[in-house]
């Protein structure tokens, strides 16, 4: 049983439970490709680019064009959660908290989905016939935010460069950028983002950036923070030996088809009495999911200087 439930005991008739501030579920799962999965590991096939062959004359032999095939493997991971509520707890609290417990579990599992997608965005993907080949995210798909002369937080110059990277690779479909509060705040400080002459979204009026340069923004406070004490170089940074000293946020841009979330079993919850524990009501939840990057060119890591 949750050892903190006694904090809700009351001597008055107060029937309200306050859910503390938290990310309420997943913000990414509807922005990536989703599939169902049977079995621990499943393969998702890909077809590459082909070229037409010039016909050299009449009755020329029919050319043989081999279409390139490749695949990505997703392995499921299982997640569980459970908590107990005694009848005595319900009496002391004057309410039944089991529905709020289920809500808290649903939000927690939603955040886990985001964590799995975030990890898959820049981690090594599993490729090859048997999924045994580790496919790293190349430096060509990493870009250090810059003003044009120095390492910085997210800005319009960087967004233009990210757009150019994706345009040059003929990336189609809806595009997103996952970033933190610091990056949104930095964008709101740029005139070209907040001016209606440049952007149909009135960011200053709404207090948030929704979309710009073809990207829809998704604010997440779960993106990786790293602390660097030495100078390093990432492809896309201006100049050699660009210094990333300080606290940096790993954001990323992606096309919807570039990341895949596979669900063996989506979030499910059960409530049942535990006769072995004094007939306490158990709230139980579980899910089995995995994720992968389907194509390196569709995901660009953006290293931002955290304010």
C-alpha atoms as a PDB file:
ATOM      1  CA  UNK A   1       0.000   0.000   0.000  1.00  0.00           C
ATOM      2  CA  UNK A   2       1.162   3.536  -0.659  1.00  0.00           C
ATOM      3  CA  UNK A   3       2.775   4.647   2.588  1.00  0.00           C
ATOM      4  CA  UNK A   4       1.893   8.283   1.854  1.00  0.00           C
ATOM      5  CA  UNK A   5      -1.880   7.821   1.660  1.00  0.00           C
ATOM      6  CA  UNK A   6      -2.273   8.726   5.321  1.00  0.00           C
ATOM      7  CA  UNK A   7      -1.386  12.315   4.380  1.00  0.00           C
ATOM      8  CA  UNK A   8      -4.876  12.524   2.854  1.00  0.00           C
ATOM      9  CA  UNK A   9      -6.637  11.495   6.076  1.00  0.00           C
ATOM     10  CA  UNK A  10      -8.940  14.267   7.242  1.00  0.00           C
ATOM     11  CA  UNK A  11     -11.179  15.110  10.169  1.00  0.00           C
ATOM     12  CA  UNK A  12     -13.406  17.233   7.936  1.00  0.00           C
ATOM     13  CA  UNK A  13     -15.760  16.381   5.089  1.00  0.00           C
ATOM     14  CA  UNK A  14     -13.374  17.217   2.275  1.00  0.00           C
ATOM     15  CA  UNK A  15     -14.015  15.153  -0.848  1.00  0.00           C
ATOM     16  CA  UNK A  16     -11.426  16.631  -3.215  1.00  0.00           C
ATOM     17  CA  UNK A  17      -8.199  15.023  -4.376  1.00  0.00           C
ATOM     18  CA  UNK A  18      -5.730  17.367  -6.043  1.00  0.00           C
ATOM     19  CA  UNK A  19      -3.525  15.900  -8.748  1.00  0.00           C
ATOM     20  CA  UNK A  20      -0.145  17.607  -8.463  1.00  0.00           C
ATOM     21  CA  UNK A  21       1.423  19.321 -11.470  1.00  0.00           C
ATOM     22  CA  UNK A  22       2.826  16.841 -13.969  1.00  0.00           C
ATOM     23  CA  UNK A  23       2.844  15.998 -17.666  1.00  0.00           C
ATOM     24  CA  UNK A  24      -0.552  14.426 -18.175  1.00  0.00           C
ATOM     25  CA  UNK A  25       0.134  11.530 -20.480  1.00  0.00           C
ATOM     26  CA  UNK A  26       2.008  11.314 -23.778  1.00  0.00           C
ATOM     27  CA  UNK A  27       2.693  14.289 -26.038  1.00  0.00           C
ATOM     28  CA  UNK A  28       4.501  12.347 -28.754  1.00  0.00           C
ATOM     29  CA  UNK A  29       2.554   9.175 -29.546  1.00  0.00           C
ATOM     30  CA  UNK A  30       0.139  10.925 -31.935  1.00  0.00           C
ATOM     31  CA  UNK A  31       3.100  12.554 -33.726  1.00  0.00           C
ATOM     32  CA  UNK A  32       4.881   9.341 -34.742  1.00  0.00           C
ATOM     33  CA  UNK A  33       3.946   6.284 -36.756  1.00  0.00           C
ATOM     34  CA  UNK A  34       2.226   3.682 -34.560  1.00  0.00           C
ATOM     35  CA  UNK A  35       1.941  -0.051 -35.203  1.00  0.00           C
ATOM     36  CA  UNK A  36       0.713  -3.149 -33.400  1.00  0.00           C
ATOM     37  CA  UNK A  37       3.163  -5.916 -32.602  1.00  0.00           C
ATOM     38  CA  UNK A  38       2.897  -9.644 -31.999  1.00  0.00           C
ATOM     39  CA  UNK A  39       5.864 -11.329 -30.380  1.00  0.00           C
ATOM     40  CA  UNK A  40       8.865  -9.934 -28.567  1.00  0.00           C
ATOM     41  CA  UNK A  41      10.617  -8.752 -31.751  1.00  0.00           C
ATOM     42  CA  UNK A  42       9.085  -7.543 -34.979  1.00  0.00           C
ATOM     43  CA  UNK A  43      10.580  -6.283 -38.239  1.00  0.00           C
ATOM     44  CA  UNK A  44       9.408  -3.305 -40.265  1.00  0.00           C
ATOM     45  CA  UNK A  45      10.625  -3.336 -43.858  1.00  0.00           C
ATOM     46  CA  UNK A  46      11.829  -0.368 -45.887  1.00  0.00           C
ATOM     47  CA  UNK A  47      12.289   0.172 -49.646  1.00  0.00           C
ATOM     48  CA  UNK A  48      15.003   2.469 -50.912  1.00  0.00           C
ATOM     49  CA  UNK A  49      15.466   4.644 -53.977  1.00  0.00           C
ATOM     50  CA  UNK A  50      15.731   3.190 -57.482  1.00  0.00           C
ATOM     51  CA  UNK A  51      16.691   4.737 -60.834  1.00  0.00           C
ATOM     52  CA  UNK A  52      15.294   4.284 -64.327  1.00  0.00           C
ATOM     53  CA  UNK A  53      17.565   2.737 -66.983  1.00  0.00           C
ATOM     54  CA  UNK A  54      18.108   4.478 -70.316  1.00  0.00           C
ATOM     55  CA  UNK A  55      16.898   2.363 -73.248  1.00  0.00           C
ATOM     56  CA  UNK A  56      19.808   2.003 -75.688  1.00  0.00           C
ATOM     57  CA  UNK A  57      17.967   0.848 -78.825  1.00  0.00           C
ATOM     58  CA  UNK A  58      15.191  -1.186 -80.353  1.00  0.00           C
ATOM     59  CA  UNK A  59      14.699  -4.686 -78.955  1.00  0.00           C
ATOM     60  CA  UNK A  60      17.242  -3.965 -76.247  1.00  0.00           C
ATOM     61  CA  UNK A  61      17.351  -6.476 -73.374  1.00  0.00           C
ATOM     62  CA  UNK A  62      15.006  -5.749 -70.497  1.00  0.00           C
ATOM     63  CA  UNK A  63      17.098  -4.291 -67.668  1.00  0.00           C
ATOM     64  CA  UNK A  64      17.191  -5.896 -64.239  1.00  0.00           C
ATOM     65  CA  UNK A  65      16.714  -3.263 -61.539  1.00  0.00           C
ATOM     66  CA  UNK A  66      17.216  -4.526 -57.993  1.00  0.00           C
ATOM     67  CA  UNK A  67      15.019  -2.637 -55.544  1.00  0.00           C
ATOM     68  CA  UNK A  68      16.926  -2.061 -52.288  1.00  0.00           C
ATOM     69  CA  UNK A  69      15.252  -3.565 -49.237  1.00  0.00           C
ATOM     70  CA  UNK A  70      16.191  -3.034 -45.595  1.00  0.00           C
ATOM     71  CA  UNK A  71      14.483  -3.404 -42.248  1.00  0.00           C
ATOM     72  CA  UNK A  72      14.319  -2.183 -38.672  1.00  0.00           C
ATOM     73  CA  UNK A  73      13.661  -4.343 -35.642  1.00  0.00           C
ATOM     74  CA  UNK A  74      11.619  -3.331 -32.602  1.00  0.00           C
ATOM     75  CA  UNK A  75      11.913  -5.254 -29.338  1.00  0.00           C
ATOM     76  CA  UNK A  76       9.180  -4.859 -26.746  1.00  0.00           C
ATOM     77  CA  UNK A  77       9.789  -3.814 -23.156  1.00  0.00           C
ATOM     78  CA  UNK A  78       7.221  -4.467 -20.427  1.00  0.00           C
ATOM     79  CA  UNK A  79       6.116  -1.895 -17.867  1.00  0.00           C
ATOM     80  CA  UNK A  80       3.973  -2.397 -14.750  1.00  0.00           C
ATOM     81  CA  UNK A  81       2.485  -0.358 -11.917  1.00  0.00           C
ATOM     82  CA  UNK A  82       0.258  -1.187  -8.950  1.00  0.00           C
ATOM     83  CA  UNK A  83      -0.936   0.316  -5.689  1.00  0.00           C
ATOM     84  CA  UNK A  84      -3.389  -0.665  -2.937  1.00  0.00           C
ATOM     85  CA  UNK A  85      -6.250   1.109  -1.189  1.00  0.00           C
ATOM     86  CA  UNK A  86      -7.701  -0.346   2.033  1.00  0.00           C
ATOM     87  CA  UNK A  87     -11.361   0.061   2.980  1.00  0.00           C
ATOM     88  CA  UNK A  88     -10.133   1.816   6.112  1.00  0.00           C
ATOM     89  CA  UNK A  89      -8.306   4.337   3.920  1.00  0.00           C
ATOM     90  CA  UNK A  90     -11.537   5.107   2.070  1.00  0.00           C
ATOM     91  CA  UNK A  91     -13.355   5.679   5.348  1.00  0.00           C
ATOM     92  CA  UNK A  92     -10.701   8.028   6.721  1.00  0.00           C
ATOM     93  CA  UNK A  93     -10.480   9.927   3.432  1.00  0.00           C
ATOM     94  CA  UNK A  94     -14.291   9.985   2.999  1.00  0.00           C
ATOM     95  CA  UNK A  95     -13.839   9.260  -0.724  1.00  0.00           C
ATOM     96  CA  UNK A  96     -12.770   6.398  -2.960  1.00  0.00           C
ATOM     97  CA  UNK A  97      -9.387   7.339  -4.524  1.00  0.00           C
ATOM     98  CA  UNK A  98      -9.073   4.347  -6.865  1.00  0.00           C
ATOM     99  CA  UNK A  99     -10.133   6.286  -9.985  1.00  0.00           C
ATOM    100  CA  UNK A 100      -7.506   8.955  -9.282  1.00  0.00           C
ATOM    101  CA  UNK A 101      -4.919   6.219  -8.828  1.00  0.00           C
ATOM    102  CA  UNK A 102      -5.817   4.851 -12.265  1.00  0.00           C
ATOM    103  CA  UNK A 103      -5.530   8.366 -13.715  1.00  0.00           C
ATOM    104  CA  UNK A 104      -2.091   8.812 -12.142  1.00  0.00           C
ATOM    105  CA  UNK A 105      -1.030   5.467 -13.647  1.00  0.00           C
ATOM    106  CA  UNK A 106      -2.314   6.442 -17.104  1.00  0.00           C
ATOM    107  CA  UNK A 107      -0.354   9.696 -16.999  1.00  0.00           C
ATOM    108  CA  UNK A 108       2.775   7.856 -15.852  1.00  0.00           C
ATOM    109  CA  UNK A 109       2.539   5.330 -18.684  1.00  0.00           C
ATOM    110  CA  UNK A 110       2.000   8.158 -21.177  1.00  0.00           C
ATOM    111  CA  UNK A 111       5.211   9.801 -20.012  1.00  0.00           C
ATOM    112  CA  UNK A 112       6.970   6.444 -20.384  1.00  0.00           C
ATOM    113  CA  UNK A 113       5.871   6.317 -24.036  1.00  0.00           C
ATOM    114  CA  UNK A 114       7.502   9.708 -24.564  1.00  0.00           C
ATOM    115  CA  UNK A 115      10.705   8.530 -22.872  1.00  0.00           C
ATOM    116  CA  UNK A 116      10.860   5.473 -25.150  1.00  0.00           C
ATOM    117  CA  UNK A 117      10.317   7.615 -28.274  1.00  0.00           C
ATOM    118  CA  UNK A 118      12.892  10.196 -27.154  1.00  0.00           C
ATOM    119  CA  UNK A 119      15.474   7.476 -26.550  1.00  0.00           C
ATOM    120  CA  UNK A 120      14.821   5.898 -29.956  1.00  0.00           C
ATOM    121  CA  UNK A 121      15.140   9.207 -31.806  1.00  0.00           C
ATOM    122  CA  UNK A 122      18.943   9.405 -31.565  1.00  0.00           C
ATOM    123  CA  UNK A 123      19.965   5.975 -30.228  1.00  0.00           C
ATOM    124  CA  UNK A 124      21.337   3.195 -32.418  1.00  0.00           C
ATOM    125  CA  UNK A 125      18.566   1.448 -34.330  1.00  0.00           C
ATOM    126  CA  UNK A 126      18.601  -2.318 -34.936  1.00  0.00           C
ATOM    127  CA  UNK A 127      18.830  -3.169 -38.636  1.00  0.00           C
ATOM    128  CA  UNK A 128      19.945  -6.017 -40.864  1.00  0.00           C
ATOM    129  CA  UNK A 129      18.212  -9.248 -41.797  1.00  0.00           C
ATOM    130  CA  UNK A 130      18.156 -10.500 -38.208  1.00  0.00           C
ATOM    131  CA  UNK A 131      18.187  -7.098 -36.511  1.00  0.00           C
ATOM    132  CA  UNK A 132      21.747  -7.631 -35.319  1.00  0.00           C
ATOM    133  CA  UNK A 133      23.247  -4.565 -37.027  1.00  0.00           C
ATOM    134  CA  UNK A 134      23.462  -1.404 -34.916  1.00  0.00           C
ATOM    135  CA  UNK A 135      22.693   1.652 -37.056  1.00  0.00           C
ATOM    136  CA  UNK A 136      24.020   4.775 -35.375  1.00  0.00           C
ATOM    137  CA  UNK A 137      22.560   8.221 -35.847  1.00  0.00           C
ATOM    138  CA  UNK A 138      25.189   9.949 -38.039  1.00  0.00           C
ATOM    139  CA  UNK A 139      26.859  13.270 -37.280  1.00  0.00           C
ATOM    140  CA  UNK A 140      25.422  14.605 -40.534  1.00  0.00           C
ATOM    141  CA  UNK A 141      22.019  14.482 -38.810  1.00  0.00           C
ATOM    142  CA  UNK A 142      23.204  16.476 -35.774  1.00  0.00           C
ATOM    143  CA  UNK A 143      23.202  20.254 -35.648  1.00  0.00           C
ATOM    144  CA  UNK A 144      24.398  22.627 -32.954  1.00  0.00           C
ATOM    145  CA  UNK A 145      22.102  25.630 -32.550  1.00  0.00           C
ATOM    146  CA  UNK A 146      23.926  28.736 -33.688  1.00  0.00           C
ATOM    147  CA  UNK A 147      23.399  32.412 -34.397  1.00  0.00           C
ATOM    148  CA  UNK A 148      25.695  32.035 -37.370  1.00  0.00           C
ATOM    149  CA  UNK A 149      28.847  32.680 -35.365  1.00  0.00           C
ATOM    150  CA  UNK A 150      28.419  31.145 -31.910  1.00  0.00           C
ATOM    151  CA  UNK A 151      26.778  28.210 -30.140  1.00  0.00           C
ATOM    152  CA  UNK A 152      23.371  29.329 -28.833  1.00  0.00           C
ATOM    153  CA  UNK A 153      19.853  28.375 -27.848  1.00  0.00           C
ATOM    154  CA  UNK A 154      17.176  27.612 -30.438  1.00  0.00           C
ATOM    155  CA  UNK A 155      16.637  30.449 -32.908  1.00  0.00           C
ATOM    156  CA  UNK A 156      15.308  31.211 -36.391  1.00  0.00           C
ATOM    157  CA  UNK A 157      18.726  30.848 -38.053  1.00  0.00           C
ATOM    158  CA  UNK A 158      18.968  27.296 -36.672  1.00  0.00           C
ATOM    159  CA  UNK A 159      15.396  26.447 -37.698  1.00  0.00           C
ATOM    160  CA  UNK A 160      16.198  27.529 -41.251  1.00  0.00           C
ATOM    161  CA  UNK A 161      19.258  25.262 -41.268  1.00  0.00           C
ATOM    162  CA  UNK A 162      17.258  22.298 -39.948  1.00  0.00           C
ATOM    163  CA  UNK A 163      14.598  22.913 -42.585  1.00  0.00           C
ATOM    164  CA  UNK A 164      17.311  22.998 -45.269  1.00  0.00           C
ATOM    165  CA  UNK A 165      18.764  19.692 -44.053  1.00  0.00           C
ATOM    166  CA  UNK A 166      15.369  17.989 -44.298  1.00  0.00           C
ATOM    167  CA  UNK A 167      14.419  19.667 -47.597  1.00  0.00           C
ATOM    168  CA  UNK A 168      17.701  18.562 -49.181  1.00  0.00           C
ATOM    169  CA  UNK A 169      16.853  14.949 -48.286  1.00  0.00           C
ATOM    170  CA  UNK A 170      13.349  15.298 -49.806  1.00  0.00           C
ATOM    171  CA  UNK A 171      11.675  14.622 -46.467  1.00  0.00           C
ATOM    172  CA  UNK A 172       7.906  14.825 -46.888  1.00  0.00           C
ATOM    173  CA  UNK A 173       5.016  14.754 -44.448  1.00  0.00           C
ATOM    174  CA  UNK A 174       4.323  16.599 -41.234  1.00  0.00           C
ATOM    175  CA  UNK A 175       7.357  17.835 -39.343  1.00  0.00           C
ATOM    176  CA  UNK A 176       7.798  18.391 -35.609  1.00  0.00           C
ATOM    177  CA  UNK A 177      10.372  19.771 -33.198  1.00  0.00           C
ATOM    178  CA  UNK A 178      10.604  18.557 -29.597  1.00  0.00           C
ATOM    179  CA  UNK A 179      12.172  21.146 -27.311  1.00  0.00           C
ATOM    180  CA  UNK A 180      12.011  22.486 -23.774  1.00  0.00           C
ATOM    181  CA  UNK A 181      10.709  25.630 -22.127  1.00  0.00           C
ATOM    182  CA  UNK A 182      14.086  27.332 -22.508  1.00  0.00           C
ATOM    183  CA  UNK A 183      13.990  26.865 -26.286  1.00  0.00           C
ATOM    184  CA  UNK A 184      10.404  28.166 -26.594  1.00  0.00           C
ATOM    185  CA  UNK A 185      11.344  31.194 -24.492  1.00  0.00           C
ATOM    186  CA  UNK A 186      14.337  31.887 -26.740  1.00  0.00           C
ATOM    187  CA  UNK A 187      12.124  31.715 -29.853  1.00  0.00           C
ATOM    188  CA  UNK A 188       9.586  34.103 -28.333  1.00  0.00           C
ATOM    189  CA  UNK A 189      12.403  36.629 -28.061  1.00  0.00           C
ATOM    190  CA  UNK A 190      12.895  36.676 -31.836  1.00  0.00           C
ATOM    191  CA  UNK A 191      10.976  39.309 -33.799  1.00  0.00           C
ATOM    192  CA  UNK A 192      10.505  37.082 -36.832  1.00  0.00           C
ATOM    193  CA  UNK A 193       8.662  34.498 -34.722  1.00  0.00           C
ATOM    194  CA  UNK A 194       6.345  36.904 -32.932  1.00  0.00           C
ATOM    195  CA  UNK A 195       5.660  39.234 -35.863  1.00  0.00           C
ATOM    196  CA  UNK A 196       2.473  38.600 -37.833  1.00  0.00           C
ATOM    197  CA  UNK A 197       4.434  39.657 -40.914  1.00  0.00           C
ATOM    198  CA  UNK A 198       6.418  36.425 -40.625  1.00  0.00           C
ATOM    199  CA  UNK A 199       4.148  34.049 -38.789  1.00  0.00           C
ATOM    200  CA  UNK A 200       0.399  33.464 -38.905  1.00  0.00           C
ATOM    201  CA  UNK A 201       0.536  32.217 -35.311  1.00  0.00           C
ATOM    202  CA  UNK A 202       0.309  35.198 -32.963  1.00  0.00           C
ATOM    203  CA  UNK A 203       2.827  33.823 -30.504  1.00  0.00           C
ATOM    204  CA  UNK A 204       2.886  36.840 -28.183  1.00  0.00           C
ATOM    205  CA  UNK A 205      -0.905  36.881 -27.875  1.00  0.00           C
ATOM    206  CA  UNK A 206      -1.131  33.148 -27.175  1.00  0.00           C
ATOM    207  CA  UNK A 207       2.049  33.056 -25.111  1.00  0.00           C
ATOM    208  CA  UNK A 208       3.368  30.049 -26.985  1.00  0.00           C
ATOM    209  CA  UNK A 209       4.908  29.013 -30.284  1.00  0.00           C
ATOM    210  CA  UNK A 210       2.750  26.486 -32.144  1.00  0.00           C
ATOM    211  CA  UNK A 211       4.316  26.284 -35.581  1.00  0.00           C
ATOM    212  CA  UNK A 212       6.939  28.042 -37.659  1.00  0.00           C
ATOM    213  CA  UNK A 213       8.796  27.295 -40.917  1.00  0.00           C
ATOM    214  CA  UNK A 214       6.722  24.162 -41.400  1.00  0.00           C
ATOM    215  CA  UNK A 215       7.503  22.700 -37.950  1.00  0.00           C
ATOM    216  CA  UNK A 216       4.953  22.064 -35.208  1.00  0.00           C
ATOM    217  CA  UNK A 217       6.503  22.514 -31.782  1.00  0.00           C
ATOM    218  CA  UNK A 218       6.069  20.033 -28.949  1.00  0.00           C
ATOM    219  CA  UNK A 219       7.242  21.245 -25.546  1.00  0.00           C
ATOM    220  CA  UNK A 220       8.749  18.542 -23.351  1.00  0.00           C
ATOM    221  CA  UNK A 221      10.646  18.835 -20.083  1.00  0.00           C
ATOM    222  CA  UNK A 222      11.910  15.253 -20.426  1.00  0.00           C
ATOM    223  CA  UNK A 223      14.549  15.839 -23.089  1.00  0.00           C
ATOM    224  CA  UNK A 224      18.119  14.959 -22.154  1.00  0.00           C
ATOM    225  CA  UNK A 225      20.325  17.551 -20.484  1.00  0.00           C
ATOM    226  CA  UNK A 226      24.099  17.138 -20.692  1.00  0.00           C
ATOM    227  CA  UNK A 227      26.936  19.066 -19.097  1.00  0.00           C
ATOM    228  CA  UNK A 228      30.082  19.516 -21.169  1.00  0.00           C
ATOM    229  CA  UNK A 229      33.378  20.802 -19.830  1.00  0.00           C
ATOM    230  CA  UNK A 230      35.386  20.512 -23.040  1.00  0.00           C
ATOM    231  CA  UNK A 231      35.186  21.858 -26.567  1.00  0.00           C
ATOM    232  CA  UNK A 232      33.853  19.484 -29.204  1.00  0.00           C
ATOM    233  CA  UNK A 233      32.701  19.571 -32.792  1.00  0.00           C
ATOM    234  CA  UNK A 234      29.381  18.463 -34.229  1.00  0.00           C
ATOM    235  CA  UNK A 235      28.626  18.506 -37.933  1.00  0.00           C
ATOM    236  CA  UNK A 236      26.482  21.569 -38.541  1.00  0.00           C
ATOM    237  CA  UNK A 237      28.172  23.723 -35.932  1.00  0.00           C
ATOM    238  CA  UNK A 238      29.774  26.891 -37.265  1.00  0.00           C
ATOM    239  CA  UNK A 239      33.553  26.670 -37.270  1.00  0.00           C
ATOM    240  CA  UNK A 240      35.788  23.895 -35.991  1.00  0.00           C
ATOM    241  CA  UNK A 241      36.159  23.186 -32.299  1.00  0.00           C
ATOM    242  CA  UNK A 242      32.843  24.817 -31.387  1.00  0.00           C
ATOM    243  CA  UNK A 243      32.600  24.873 -27.606  1.00  0.00           C
ATOM    244  CA  UNK A 244      29.638  23.163 -25.949  1.00  0.00           C
ATOM    245  CA  UNK A 245      30.854  23.984 -22.451  1.00  0.00           C
ATOM    246  CA  UNK A 246      27.936  24.276 -20.016  1.00  0.00           C
ATOM    247  CA  UNK A 247      24.475  22.740 -19.864  1.00  0.00           C
ATOM    248  CA  UNK A 248      23.035  21.669 -23.192  1.00  0.00           C
ATOM    249  CA  UNK A 249      19.606  20.343 -24.181  1.00  0.00           C
ATOM    250  CA  UNK A 250      19.283  17.581 -26.776  1.00  0.00           C
ATOM    251  CA  UNK A 251      16.229  18.541 -28.853  1.00  0.00           C
ATOM    252  CA  UNK A 252      15.240  16.929 -32.131  1.00  0.00           C
ATOM    253  CA  UNK A 253      13.269  17.546 -35.308  1.00  0.00           C
ATOM    254  CA  UNK A 254      11.541  14.710 -37.123  1.00  0.00           C
ATOM    255  CA  UNK A 255       9.018  13.766 -39.787  1.00  0.00           C
ATOM    256  CA  UNK A 256       6.065  11.732 -38.542  1.00  0.00           C
ATOM    257  CA  UNK A 257       7.076   8.627 -40.495  1.00  0.00           C
ATOM    258  CA  UNK A 258      10.666   8.827 -39.256  1.00  0.00           C
ATOM    259  CA  UNK A 259       9.915   7.460 -35.779  1.00  0.00           C
ATOM    260  CA  UNK A 260       7.858   4.379 -34.989  1.00  0.00           C
ATOM    261  CA  UNK A 261       6.113   3.376 -31.758  1.00  0.00           C
ATOM    262  CA  UNK A 262       5.154  -0.302 -31.686  1.00  0.00           C
ATOM    263  CA  UNK A 263       2.617  -1.584 -29.171  1.00  0.00           C
ATOM    264  CA  UNK A 264       2.456  -5.182 -28.110  1.00  0.00           C
ATOM    265  CA  UNK A 265      -0.116  -4.211 -25.499  1.00  0.00           C
ATOM    266  CA  UNK A 266      -1.202  -0.641 -25.000  1.00  0.00           C
ATOM    267  CA  UNK A 267      -1.875   0.743 -21.543  1.00  0.00           C
ATOM    268  CA  UNK A 268      -4.448  -1.356 -19.702  1.00  0.00           C
ATOM    269  CA  UNK A 269      -5.641  -1.238 -16.107  1.00  0.00           C
ATOM    270  CA  UNK A 270      -7.476  -3.578 -13.763  1.00  0.00           C
ATOM    271  CA  UNK A 271      -8.970  -3.162 -10.312  1.00  0.00           C
ATOM    272  CA  UNK A 272      -9.472  -6.184  -8.093  1.00  0.00           C
ATOM    273  CA  UNK A 273      -9.779  -7.160  -4.457  1.00  0.00           C
ATOM    274  CA  UNK A 274      -6.758  -8.792  -2.860  1.00  0.00           C
ATOM    275  CA  UNK A 275      -8.069 -11.325  -0.356  1.00  0.00           C
ATOM    276  CA  UNK A 276      -4.472 -12.054   0.618  1.00  0.00           C
ATOM    277  CA  UNK A 277      -4.045  -8.422   1.726  1.00  0.00           C
ATOM    278  CA  UNK A 278      -7.129  -7.785   3.821  1.00  0.00           C
ATOM    279  CA  UNK A 279      -9.380  -7.379   0.780  1.00  0.00           C
ATOM    280  CA  UNK A 280      -7.651  -4.172  -0.208  1.00  0.00           C
ATOM    281  CA  UNK A 281      -8.501  -2.830  -3.650  1.00  0.00           C
ATOM    282  CA  UNK A 282      -5.520  -3.166  -6.002  1.00  0.00           C
ATOM    283  CA  UNK A 283      -5.157  -0.798  -8.940  1.00  0.00           C
ATOM    284  CA  UNK A 284      -2.922  -2.464 -11.531  1.00  0.00           C
ATOM    285  CA  UNK A 285      -1.652  -1.269 -14.910  1.00  0.00           C
ATOM    286  CA  UNK A 286       0.737  -2.580 -17.572  1.00  0.00           C
ATOM    287  CA  UNK A 287       1.849  -2.095 -21.167  1.00  0.00           C
ATOM    288  CA  UNK A 288       4.395  -3.503 -23.633  1.00  0.00           C
ATOM    289  CA  UNK A 289       5.929  -1.088 -26.141  1.00  0.00           C
ATOM    290  CA  UNK A 290       9.049  -0.419 -28.188  1.00  0.00           C
ATOM    291  CA  UNK A 291      10.240   2.251 -30.607  1.00  0.00           C
ATOM    292  CA  UNK A 292      12.789   2.753 -33.352  1.00  0.00           C
ATOM    293  CA  UNK A 293      14.063   5.313 -35.820  1.00  0.00           C
ATOM    294  CA  UNK A 294      12.878   4.248 -39.278  1.00  0.00           C
ATOM    295  CA  UNK A 295      15.207   6.485 -41.277  1.00  0.00           C
ATOM    296  CA  UNK A 296      18.197   8.548 -40.183  1.00  0.00           C
ATOM    297  CA  UNK A 297      17.461  11.366 -42.659  1.00  0.00           C
ATOM    298  CA  UNK A 298      14.044  11.981 -41.090  1.00  0.00           C
ATOM    299  CA  UNK A 299      15.436  12.814 -37.649  1.00  0.00           C
ATOM    300  CA  UNK A 300      17.775  15.706 -36.858  1.00  0.00           C
ATOM    301  CA  UNK A 301      19.230  16.109 -33.368  1.00  0.00           C
ATOM    302  CA  UNK A 302      19.481  19.781 -32.332  1.00  0.00           C
ATOM    303  CA  UNK A 303      21.964  20.543 -29.554  1.00  0.00           C
ATOM    304  CA  UNK A 304      20.835  23.735 -27.802  1.00  0.00           C
ATOM    305  CA  UNK A 305      22.565  25.868 -25.210  1.00  0.00           C
ATOM    306  CA  UNK A 306      20.233  25.716 -22.216  1.00  0.00           C
ATOM    307  CA  UNK A 307      19.490  29.132 -20.734  1.00  0.00           C
END
